[in-house]
């Protein structure tokens, strides 16, 4: 594997940081999920030193992963035979979760990141637990045509996941993306996504994180103060879960940067939505 293929810059670098958090969680005896491939993916790049705020967010990333694990598996059990992970990064859900027979899972991400990930998975002889289709496509290009050409059927219910992406897009790009998802979503489709409000971006504890992100060209470009209303404008009925609610659900400490007692109105939104009938 060449150095050029390793995801060490841009948004791809954040995929490594998230994989580090998953590997750390996997090593816990009380882990919220199993992810044996995460450490292998990180080892192939080299572990990245993160800012203090990044370390404080590791527990949040674990809760977020479990939240969307549960969301996708519930959607698949309810009849979504297609799962699409946009900006999939170093996601390993195709391998580590149990999927109903006939589930087709599509992963879409940048060609260089896909090439790196596939090389590691081949070296580990990883076997997916579903029909996995990988699309090396930039979301700024015609990813929808590539998805359909790869076998995606817009007439079938789909479970979409947009995890850790929307904050890197500006408001207009987010609106465009949600409109595109709506055009491809049959009745019964579901959507999971994450975003943050402006108060979270303004937290003093996060300023070093923003400086680091800027240094490797992965700055946040938008915030979202009302995710339910935004989703509704695009034809989705949404509900929000917060990290403190998840921490209570799983018997974990509330992550410091998402603890209302410490950060006031700052919020990371974890959102589940279903396609509305309107």
C-alpha atoms as a PDB file:
ATOM      1  CA  UNK A   1       0.000   0.000   0.000  1.00  0.00           C
ATOM      2  CA  UNK A   2       1.541   3.306  -1.020  1.00  0.00           C
ATOM      3  CA  UNK A   3       1.693   6.429   1.104  1.00  0.00           C
ATOM      4  CA  UNK A   4      -0.329   8.274  -1.562  1.00  0.00           C
ATOM      5  CA  UNK A   5      -3.353   6.064  -0.926  1.00  0.00           C
ATOM      6  CA  UNK A   6      -3.500   6.781   2.795  1.00  0.00           C
ATOM      7  CA  UNK A   7      -6.271   9.137   4.001  1.00  0.00           C
ATOM      8  CA  UNK A   8      -4.128  11.707   5.805  1.00  0.00           C
ATOM      9  CA  UNK A   9      -5.592  14.976   4.502  1.00  0.00           C
ATOM     10  CA  UNK A  10      -8.958  16.644   4.041  1.00  0.00           C
ATOM     11  CA  UNK A  11     -12.235  15.160   5.175  1.00  0.00           C
ATOM     12  CA  UNK A  12     -10.790  11.669   4.647  1.00  0.00           C
ATOM     13  CA  UNK A  13      -8.520  12.275   7.639  1.00  0.00           C
ATOM     14  CA  UNK A  14     -11.577  12.611   9.861  1.00  0.00           C
ATOM     15  CA  UNK A  15     -12.616   9.105   8.783  1.00  0.00           C
ATOM     16  CA  UNK A  16      -9.446   7.815  10.434  1.00  0.00           C
ATOM     17  CA  UNK A  17     -10.206   9.707  13.649  1.00  0.00           C
ATOM     18  CA  UNK A  18     -13.690   8.176  13.763  1.00  0.00           C
ATOM     19  CA  UNK A  19     -12.246   4.717  13.108  1.00  0.00           C
ATOM     20  CA  UNK A  20      -9.855   5.295  16.019  1.00  0.00           C
ATOM     21  CA  UNK A  21     -12.813   5.978  18.286  1.00  0.00           C
ATOM     22  CA  UNK A  22     -14.517   2.792  17.084  1.00  0.00           C
ATOM     23  CA  UNK A  23     -11.363   0.758  17.649  1.00  0.00           C
ATOM     24  CA  UNK A  24     -11.084   2.155  21.170  1.00  0.00           C
ATOM     25  CA  UNK A  25     -14.703   1.228  21.872  1.00  0.00           C
ATOM     26  CA  UNK A  26     -14.212  -2.259  20.445  1.00  0.00           C
ATOM     27  CA  UNK A  27     -11.428  -2.860  22.984  1.00  0.00           C
ATOM     28  CA  UNK A  28     -13.701  -2.126  25.952  1.00  0.00           C
ATOM     29  CA  UNK A  29     -15.155  -5.094  27.858  1.00  0.00           C
ATOM     30  CA  UNK A  30     -18.484  -3.214  28.020  1.00  0.00           C
ATOM     31  CA  UNK A  31     -18.376  -2.131  24.378  1.00  0.00           C
ATOM     32  CA  UNK A  32     -21.503  -0.798  22.723  1.00  0.00           C
ATOM     33  CA  UNK A  33     -20.644  -2.588  19.471  1.00  0.00           C
ATOM     34  CA  UNK A  34     -18.010  -4.870  17.999  1.00  0.00           C
ATOM     35  CA  UNK A  35     -15.743  -3.518  15.268  1.00  0.00           C
ATOM     36  CA  UNK A  36     -12.679  -5.745  14.881  1.00  0.00           C
ATOM     37  CA  UNK A  37     -11.744  -4.198  11.529  1.00  0.00           C
ATOM     38  CA  UNK A  38     -11.447  -0.641  12.852  1.00  0.00           C
ATOM     39  CA  UNK A  39      -7.994  -1.096  14.399  1.00  0.00           C
ATOM     40  CA  UNK A  40      -6.656  -2.695  11.209  1.00  0.00           C
ATOM     41  CA  UNK A  41      -7.857   0.263   9.141  1.00  0.00           C
ATOM     42  CA  UNK A  42      -6.248   2.732  11.527  1.00  0.00           C
ATOM     43  CA  UNK A  43      -3.013   0.743  11.797  1.00  0.00           C
ATOM     44  CA  UNK A  44      -2.654   0.935   8.011  1.00  0.00           C
ATOM     45  CA  UNK A  45      -2.578   4.740   8.249  1.00  0.00           C
ATOM     46  CA  UNK A  46      -1.043   5.358  11.649  1.00  0.00           C
ATOM     47  CA  UNK A  47      -2.875   6.597  14.715  1.00  0.00           C
ATOM     48  CA  UNK A  48      -3.551  10.335  14.683  1.00  0.00           C
ATOM     49  CA  UNK A  49      -3.013  12.517  17.728  1.00  0.00           C
ATOM     50  CA  UNK A  50      -6.199  14.466  18.368  1.00  0.00           C
ATOM     51  CA  UNK A  51      -6.884  17.671  20.276  1.00  0.00           C
ATOM     52  CA  UNK A  52      -8.260  17.575  23.810  1.00  0.00           C
ATOM     53  CA  UNK A  53     -11.762  18.192  22.463  1.00  0.00           C
ATOM     54  CA  UNK A  54     -11.325  15.265  20.085  1.00  0.00           C
ATOM     55  CA  UNK A  55     -10.484  12.971  22.979  1.00  0.00           C
ATOM     56  CA  UNK A  56     -13.496  14.255  24.889  1.00  0.00           C
ATOM     57  CA  UNK A  57     -15.647  13.417  21.861  1.00  0.00           C
ATOM     58  CA  UNK A  58     -14.587   9.759  21.651  1.00  0.00           C
ATOM     59  CA  UNK A  59     -17.472   8.700  23.874  1.00  0.00           C
ATOM     60  CA  UNK A  60     -19.833  10.691  21.662  1.00  0.00           C
ATOM     61  CA  UNK A  61     -18.551   8.929  18.543  1.00  0.00           C
ATOM     62  CA  UNK A  62     -19.192   5.556  20.200  1.00  0.00           C
ATOM     63  CA  UNK A  63     -22.749   6.557  21.104  1.00  0.00           C
ATOM     64  CA  UNK A  64     -23.314   7.937  17.615  1.00  0.00           C
ATOM     65  CA  UNK A  65     -22.107   4.708  16.024  1.00  0.00           C
ATOM     66  CA  UNK A  66     -24.420   2.593  18.160  1.00  0.00           C
ATOM     67  CA  UNK A  67     -27.339   4.947  17.476  1.00  0.00           C
ATOM     68  CA  UNK A  68     -27.014   4.630  13.718  1.00  0.00           C
ATOM     69  CA  UNK A  69     -26.320   0.886  13.979  1.00  0.00           C
ATOM     70  CA  UNK A  70     -29.680   0.498  15.693  1.00  0.00           C
ATOM     71  CA  UNK A  71     -31.385   2.825  13.224  1.00  0.00           C
ATOM     72  CA  UNK A  72     -30.160   0.953  10.149  1.00  0.00           C
ATOM     73  CA  UNK A  73     -30.921  -2.471  11.539  1.00  0.00           C
ATOM     74  CA  UNK A  74     -34.439  -1.398  12.507  1.00  0.00           C
ATOM     75  CA  UNK A  75     -34.988   0.005   9.012  1.00  0.00           C
ATOM     76  CA  UNK A  76     -33.715  -3.200   7.411  1.00  0.00           C
ATOM     77  CA  UNK A  77     -35.949  -5.302   9.656  1.00  0.00           C
ATOM     78  CA  UNK A  78     -38.915  -3.114   8.661  1.00  0.00           C
ATOM     79  CA  UNK A  79     -38.399  -3.830   4.972  1.00  0.00           C
ATOM     80  CA  UNK A  80     -35.686  -1.521   3.650  1.00  0.00           C
ATOM     81  CA  UNK A  81     -33.833  -3.971   1.421  1.00  0.00           C
ATOM     82  CA  UNK A  82     -31.371  -1.298   0.281  1.00  0.00           C
ATOM     83  CA  UNK A  83     -28.953   0.559   2.550  1.00  0.00           C
ATOM     84  CA  UNK A  84     -26.923   3.494   1.252  1.00  0.00           C
ATOM     85  CA  UNK A  85     -24.032   5.002   3.205  1.00  0.00           C
ATOM     86  CA  UNK A  86     -23.092   8.383   1.741  1.00  0.00           C
ATOM     87  CA  UNK A  87     -19.526   9.478   2.507  1.00  0.00           C
ATOM     88  CA  UNK A  88     -19.047   6.028   4.018  1.00  0.00           C
ATOM     89  CA  UNK A  89     -15.441   6.671   5.024  1.00  0.00           C
ATOM     90  CA  UNK A  90     -13.954   3.717   6.890  1.00  0.00           C
ATOM     91  CA  UNK A  91     -17.380   2.387   7.885  1.00  0.00           C
ATOM     92  CA  UNK A  92     -17.513  -1.383   8.465  1.00  0.00           C
ATOM     93  CA  UNK A  93     -21.235  -1.941   9.048  1.00  0.00           C
ATOM     94  CA  UNK A  94     -21.449  -4.203   5.997  1.00  0.00           C
ATOM     95  CA  UNK A  95     -19.119  -6.593   7.822  1.00  0.00           C
ATOM     96  CA  UNK A  96     -19.917  -6.254  11.514  1.00  0.00           C
ATOM     97  CA  UNK A  97     -23.721  -6.052  11.621  1.00  0.00           C
ATOM     98  CA  UNK A  98     -26.247  -8.814  10.980  1.00  0.00           C
ATOM     99  CA  UNK A  99     -28.406  -8.069   7.936  1.00  0.00           C
ATOM    100  CA  UNK A 100     -31.591  -9.733   6.669  1.00  0.00           C
ATOM    101  CA  UNK A 101     -31.162 -12.014   3.668  1.00  0.00           C
ATOM    102  CA  UNK A 102     -31.263 -10.042   0.442  1.00  0.00           C
ATOM    103  CA  UNK A 103     -29.989  -6.771   1.908  1.00  0.00           C
ATOM    104  CA  UNK A 104     -27.946  -4.749  -0.565  1.00  0.00           C
ATOM    105  CA  UNK A 105     -25.620  -2.179   0.999  1.00  0.00           C
ATOM    106  CA  UNK A 106     -24.042   0.578  -1.099  1.00  0.00           C
ATOM    107  CA  UNK A 107     -21.029   2.565   0.101  1.00  0.00           C
ATOM    108  CA  UNK A 108     -20.281   5.854  -1.653  1.00  0.00           C
ATOM    109  CA  UNK A 109     -17.115   7.869  -1.090  1.00  0.00           C
ATOM    110  CA  UNK A 110     -14.069   9.486  -2.671  1.00  0.00           C
ATOM    111  CA  UNK A 111     -12.086   7.182  -4.992  1.00  0.00           C
ATOM    112  CA  UNK A 112      -8.789   7.503  -3.101  1.00  0.00           C
ATOM    113  CA  UNK A 113     -10.382   6.694   0.244  1.00  0.00           C
ATOM    114  CA  UNK A 114     -12.264   3.759  -1.258  1.00  0.00           C
ATOM    115  CA  UNK A 115      -9.040   2.382  -2.777  1.00  0.00           C
ATOM    116  CA  UNK A 116      -7.260   2.550   0.580  1.00  0.00           C
ATOM    117  CA  UNK A 117     -10.108   0.911   2.456  1.00  0.00           C
ATOM    118  CA  UNK A 118     -10.559  -1.893  -0.065  1.00  0.00           C
ATOM    119  CA  UNK A 119      -6.846  -2.713   0.043  1.00  0.00           C
ATOM    120  CA  UNK A 120      -6.968  -3.120   3.825  1.00  0.00           C
ATOM    121  CA  UNK A 121     -10.150  -5.200   3.703  1.00  0.00           C
ATOM    122  CA  UNK A 122      -8.655  -7.490   1.065  1.00  0.00           C
ATOM    123  CA  UNK A 123      -5.524  -7.935   3.155  1.00  0.00           C
ATOM    124  CA  UNK A 124      -7.683  -8.928   6.129  1.00  0.00           C
ATOM    125  CA  UNK A 125      -9.822 -11.225   3.932  1.00  0.00           C
ATOM    126  CA  UNK A 126     -12.900  -9.471   5.298  1.00  0.00           C
ATOM    127  CA  UNK A 127     -16.225 -10.964   4.211  1.00  0.00           C
ATOM    128  CA  UNK A 128     -19.377  -8.798   4.188  1.00  0.00           C
ATOM    129  CA  UNK A 129     -22.583 -10.001   5.807  1.00  0.00           C
ATOM    130  CA  UNK A 130     -24.705  -8.600   2.978  1.00  0.00           C
ATOM    131  CA  UNK A 131     -24.510  -7.843  -0.733  1.00  0.00           C
ATOM    132  CA  UNK A 132     -21.980  -5.003  -0.556  1.00  0.00           C
ATOM    133  CA  UNK A 133     -21.509  -2.606  -3.478  1.00  0.00           C
ATOM    134  CA  UNK A 134     -18.745   0.009  -3.340  1.00  0.00           C
ATOM    135  CA  UNK A 135     -18.955   3.177  -5.433  1.00  0.00           C
ATOM    136  CA  UNK A 136     -15.807   5.332  -5.715  1.00  0.00           C
ATOM    137  CA  UNK A 137     -17.684   8.526  -6.539  1.00  0.00           C
ATOM    138  CA  UNK A 138     -17.317  12.115  -5.356  1.00  0.00           C
ATOM    139  CA  UNK A 139     -20.690  13.393  -4.127  1.00  0.00           C
ATOM    140  CA  UNK A 140     -20.037  16.576  -6.106  1.00  0.00           C
ATOM    141  CA  UNK A 141     -20.284  14.445  -9.263  1.00  0.00           C
ATOM    142  CA  UNK A 142     -23.255  12.472 -10.607  1.00  0.00           C
ATOM    143  CA  UNK A 143     -23.374   9.944  -7.791  1.00  0.00           C
ATOM    144  CA  UNK A 144     -27.076   9.260  -8.325  1.00  0.00           C
ATOM    145  CA  UNK A 145     -26.547   7.853 -11.814  1.00  0.00           C
ATOM    146  CA  UNK A 146     -23.622   5.791 -10.554  1.00  0.00           C
ATOM    147  CA  UNK A 147     -25.819   4.414  -7.783  1.00  0.00           C
ATOM    148  CA  UNK A 148     -28.617   3.408 -10.152  1.00  0.00           C
ATOM    149  CA  UNK A 149     -26.138   1.944 -12.633  1.00  0.00           C
ATOM    150  CA  UNK A 150     -24.735  -0.196  -9.799  1.00  0.00           C
ATOM    151  CA  UNK A 151     -28.127  -1.785  -9.192  1.00  0.00           C
ATOM    152  CA  UNK A 152     -29.912   0.626  -6.849  1.00  0.00           C
ATOM    153  CA  UNK A 153     -33.692   0.638  -7.378  1.00  0.00           C
ATOM    154  CA  UNK A 154     -35.460   3.932  -6.521  1.00  0.00           C
ATOM    155  CA  UNK A 155     -38.774   2.056  -6.418  1.00  0.00           C
ATOM    156  CA  UNK A 156     -37.682   0.015  -3.382  1.00  0.00           C
ATOM    157  CA  UNK A 157     -37.540   1.318   0.218  1.00  0.00           C
ATOM    158  CA  UNK A 158     -34.081   2.504   1.193  1.00  0.00           C
ATOM    159  CA  UNK A 159     -32.307   3.180   4.473  1.00  0.00           C
ATOM    160  CA  UNK A 160     -30.048   6.189   3.914  1.00  0.00           C
ATOM    161  CA  UNK A 161     -27.250   7.203   6.270  1.00  0.00           C
ATOM    162  CA  UNK A 162     -25.498  10.567   6.122  1.00  0.00           C
ATOM    163  CA  UNK A 163     -23.172  10.373   9.117  1.00  0.00           C
ATOM    164  CA  UNK A 164     -20.541  13.025   9.780  1.00  0.00           C
ATOM    165  CA  UNK A 165     -20.981  14.757   6.414  1.00  0.00           C
ATOM    166  CA  UNK A 166     -23.519  17.584   6.419  1.00  0.00           C
ATOM    167  CA  UNK A 167     -21.421  19.951   8.527  1.00  0.00           C
ATOM    168  CA  UNK A 168     -18.704  19.892   5.847  1.00  0.00           C
ATOM    169  CA  UNK A 169     -21.186  21.042   3.186  1.00  0.00           C
ATOM    170  CA  UNK A 170     -22.653  24.513   2.946  1.00  0.00           C
ATOM    171  CA  UNK A 171     -26.366  25.124   3.437  1.00  0.00           C
ATOM    172  CA  UNK A 172     -27.141  25.090  -0.273  1.00  0.00           C
ATOM    173  CA  UNK A 173     -25.323  21.808  -0.815  1.00  0.00           C
ATOM    174  CA  UNK A 174     -27.201  20.262   2.096  1.00  0.00           C
ATOM    175  CA  UNK A 175     -30.530  21.337   0.626  1.00  0.00           C
ATOM    176  CA  UNK A 176     -29.521  19.896  -2.737  1.00  0.00           C
ATOM    177  CA  UNK A 177     -28.452  16.612  -1.181  1.00  0.00           C
ATOM    178  CA  UNK A 178     -31.686  16.163   0.753  1.00  0.00           C
ATOM    179  CA  UNK A 179     -33.713  16.982  -2.354  1.00  0.00           C
ATOM    180  CA  UNK A 180     -31.740  14.351  -4.279  1.00  0.00           C
ATOM    181  CA  UNK A 181     -32.356  11.769  -1.584  1.00  0.00           C
ATOM    182  CA  UNK A 182     -36.060  12.523  -1.724  1.00  0.00           C
ATOM    183  CA  UNK A 183     -36.149  11.919  -5.467  1.00  0.00           C
ATOM    184  CA  UNK A 184     -34.581   8.484  -4.953  1.00  0.00           C
ATOM    185  CA  UNK A 185     -36.687   7.452  -1.953  1.00  0.00           C
ATOM    186  CA  UNK A 186     -39.704   5.176  -2.272  1.00  0.00           C
ATOM    187  CA  UNK A 187     -42.418   5.158   0.410  1.00  0.00           C
ATOM    188  CA  UNK A 188     -41.157   3.419   3.519  1.00  0.00           C
ATOM    189  CA  UNK A 189     -37.634   4.779   3.145  1.00  0.00           C
ATOM    190  CA  UNK A 190     -35.711   6.002   6.177  1.00  0.00           C
ATOM    191  CA  UNK A 191     -32.941   8.521   6.723  1.00  0.00           C
ATOM    192  CA  UNK A 192     -30.364   8.953   9.452  1.00  0.00           C
ATOM    193  CA  UNK A 193     -28.224  12.060   9.645  1.00  0.00           C
ATOM    194  CA  UNK A 194     -26.152  14.155  12.012  1.00  0.00           C
ATOM    195  CA  UNK A 195     -25.559  17.887  12.288  1.00  0.00           C
ATOM    196  CA  UNK A 196     -24.741  20.537  14.881  1.00  0.00           C
ATOM    197  CA  UNK A 197     -26.149  23.910  15.846  1.00  0.00           C
ATOM    198  CA  UNK A 198     -24.287  27.210  15.834  1.00  0.00           C
ATOM    199  CA  UNK A 199     -23.892  27.190  19.608  1.00  0.00           C
ATOM    200  CA  UNK A 200     -21.842  23.997  19.311  1.00  0.00           C
ATOM    201  CA  UNK A 201     -19.510  25.570  16.765  1.00  0.00           C
ATOM    202  CA  UNK A 202     -19.065  28.566  19.075  1.00  0.00           C
ATOM    203  CA  UNK A 203     -18.007  26.491  22.101  1.00  0.00           C
ATOM    204  CA  UNK A 204     -14.636  27.683  23.437  1.00  0.00           C
ATOM    205  CA  UNK A 205     -13.596  24.036  23.891  1.00  0.00           C
ATOM    206  CA  UNK A 206     -14.010  23.407  20.154  1.00  0.00           C
ATOM    207  CA  UNK A 207     -11.835  26.216  18.839  1.00  0.00           C
ATOM    208  CA  UNK A 208      -8.639  24.142  18.747  1.00  0.00           C
ATOM    209  CA  UNK A 209     -10.536  21.472  16.800  1.00  0.00           C
ATOM    210  CA  UNK A 210     -11.579  24.035  14.190  1.00  0.00           C
ATOM    211  CA  UNK A 211      -7.997  25.260  13.863  1.00  0.00           C
ATOM    212  CA  UNK A 212      -6.762  21.713  13.316  1.00  0.00           C
ATOM    213  CA  UNK A 213      -9.482  20.971  10.780  1.00  0.00           C
ATOM    214  CA  UNK A 214      -8.562  24.114   8.895  1.00  0.00           C
ATOM    215  CA  UNK A 215      -4.924  23.039   8.752  1.00  0.00           C
ATOM    216  CA  UNK A 216      -5.788  19.873   6.854  1.00  0.00           C
ATOM    217  CA  UNK A 217      -8.547  21.451   4.756  1.00  0.00           C
ATOM    218  CA  UNK A 218     -11.594  19.935   6.445  1.00  0.00           C
ATOM    219  CA  UNK A 219     -13.455  22.919   7.853  1.00  0.00           C
ATOM    220  CA  UNK A 220     -17.144  22.883   8.751  1.00  0.00           C
ATOM    221  CA  UNK A 221     -19.282  24.929   6.372  1.00  0.00           C
ATOM    222  CA  UNK A 222     -22.778  24.902   7.903  1.00  0.00           C
ATOM    223  CA  UNK A 223     -24.826  24.518  11.052  1.00  0.00           C
ATOM    224  CA  UNK A 224     -28.447  23.504  11.643  1.00  0.00           C
ATOM    225  CA  UNK A 225     -30.570  24.896  14.442  1.00  0.00           C
ATOM    226  CA  UNK A 226     -33.838  23.052  13.682  1.00  0.00           C
ATOM    227  CA  UNK A 227     -33.231  19.667  12.037  1.00  0.00           C
ATOM    228  CA  UNK A 228     -36.870  18.561  12.330  1.00  0.00           C
ATOM    229  CA  UNK A 229     -38.153  21.587  10.414  1.00  0.00           C
ATOM    230  CA  UNK A 230     -35.390  21.273   7.826  1.00  0.00           C
ATOM    231  CA  UNK A 231     -36.176  17.617   7.199  1.00  0.00           C
ATOM    232  CA  UNK A 232     -39.901  18.387   6.958  1.00  0.00           C
ATOM    233  CA  UNK A 233     -39.278  20.954   4.216  1.00  0.00           C
ATOM    234  CA  UNK A 234     -37.768  18.130   2.181  1.00  0.00           C
ATOM    235  CA  UNK A 235     -40.531  15.611   2.834  1.00  0.00           C
ATOM    236  CA  UNK A 236     -39.184  13.723   5.846  1.00  0.00           C
ATOM    237  CA  UNK A 237     -40.810  13.234   9.251  1.00  0.00           C
ATOM    238  CA  UNK A 238     -37.926  13.452  11.710  1.00  0.00           C
ATOM    239  CA  UNK A 239     -37.190  13.029  15.372  1.00  0.00           C
ATOM    240  CA  UNK A 240     -34.044  14.021  17.248  1.00  0.00           C
ATOM    241  CA  UNK A 241     -32.067  12.131  19.860  1.00  0.00           C
ATOM    242  CA  UNK A 242     -29.324  13.866  21.829  1.00  0.00           C
ATOM    243  CA  UNK A 243     -26.103  12.411  23.166  1.00  0.00           C
ATOM    244  CA  UNK A 244     -27.166  12.821  26.786  1.00  0.00           C
ATOM    245  CA  UNK A 245     -30.287  10.758  26.061  1.00  0.00           C
ATOM    246  CA  UNK A 246     -28.145   8.054  24.465  1.00  0.00           C
ATOM    247  CA  UNK A 247     -25.710   8.084  27.365  1.00  0.00           C
ATOM    248  CA  UNK A 248     -28.568   7.464  29.785  1.00  0.00           C
ATOM    249  CA  UNK A 249     -29.958   4.719  27.549  1.00  0.00           C
ATOM    250  CA  UNK A 250     -26.639   2.860  27.509  1.00  0.00           C
ATOM    251  CA  UNK A 251     -25.478   3.599  31.043  1.00  0.00           C
ATOM    252  CA  UNK A 252     -22.560   5.750  29.934  1.00  0.00           C
ATOM    253  CA  UNK A 253     -21.300   9.120  31.184  1.00  0.00           C
ATOM    254  CA  UNK A 254     -22.599  12.045  29.163  1.00  0.00           C
ATOM    255  CA  UNK A 255     -19.833  13.157  26.754  1.00  0.00           C
ATOM    256  CA  UNK A 256     -18.542  16.508  28.091  1.00  0.00           C
ATOM    257  CA  UNK A 257     -19.010  18.433  24.845  1.00  0.00           C
ATOM    258  CA  UNK A 258     -22.634  17.317  24.554  1.00  0.00           C
ATOM    259  CA  UNK A 259     -23.614  17.629  28.218  1.00  0.00           C
ATOM    260  CA  UNK A 260     -26.255  20.381  28.563  1.00  0.00           C
ATOM    261  CA  UNK A 261     -25.041  21.029  32.100  1.00  0.00           C
ATOM    262  CA  UNK A 262     -21.636  22.000  30.677  1.00  0.00           C
ATOM    263  CA  UNK A 263     -22.352  23.394  27.204  1.00  0.00           C
ATOM    264  CA  UNK A 264     -25.765  25.027  27.590  1.00  0.00           C
ATOM    265  CA  UNK A 265     -27.652  25.172  24.302  1.00  0.00           C
ATOM    266  CA  UNK A 266     -24.879  23.607  22.191  1.00  0.00           C
ATOM    267  CA  UNK A 267     -26.152  20.477  20.459  1.00  0.00           C
ATOM    268  CA  UNK A 268     -25.055  17.705  18.153  1.00  0.00           C
ATOM    269  CA  UNK A 269     -28.227  16.434  16.509  1.00  0.00           C
ATOM    270  CA  UNK A 270     -28.702  12.719  15.834  1.00  0.00           C
ATOM    271  CA  UNK A 271     -31.718  12.436  13.584  1.00  0.00           C
ATOM    272  CA  UNK A 272     -33.932   9.603  12.361  1.00  0.00           C
ATOM    273  CA  UNK A 273     -36.523  10.296   9.686  1.00  0.00           C
ATOM    274  CA  UNK A 274     -39.042   8.488   7.527  1.00  0.00           C
ATOM    275  CA  UNK A 275     -40.305   9.541   4.131  1.00  0.00           C
ATOM    276  CA  UNK A 276     -43.556  11.423   4.658  1.00  0.00           C
ATOM    277  CA  UNK A 277     -46.721  10.829   2.645  1.00  0.00           C
ATOM    278  CA  UNK A 278     -46.985  14.456   1.621  1.00  0.00           C
END
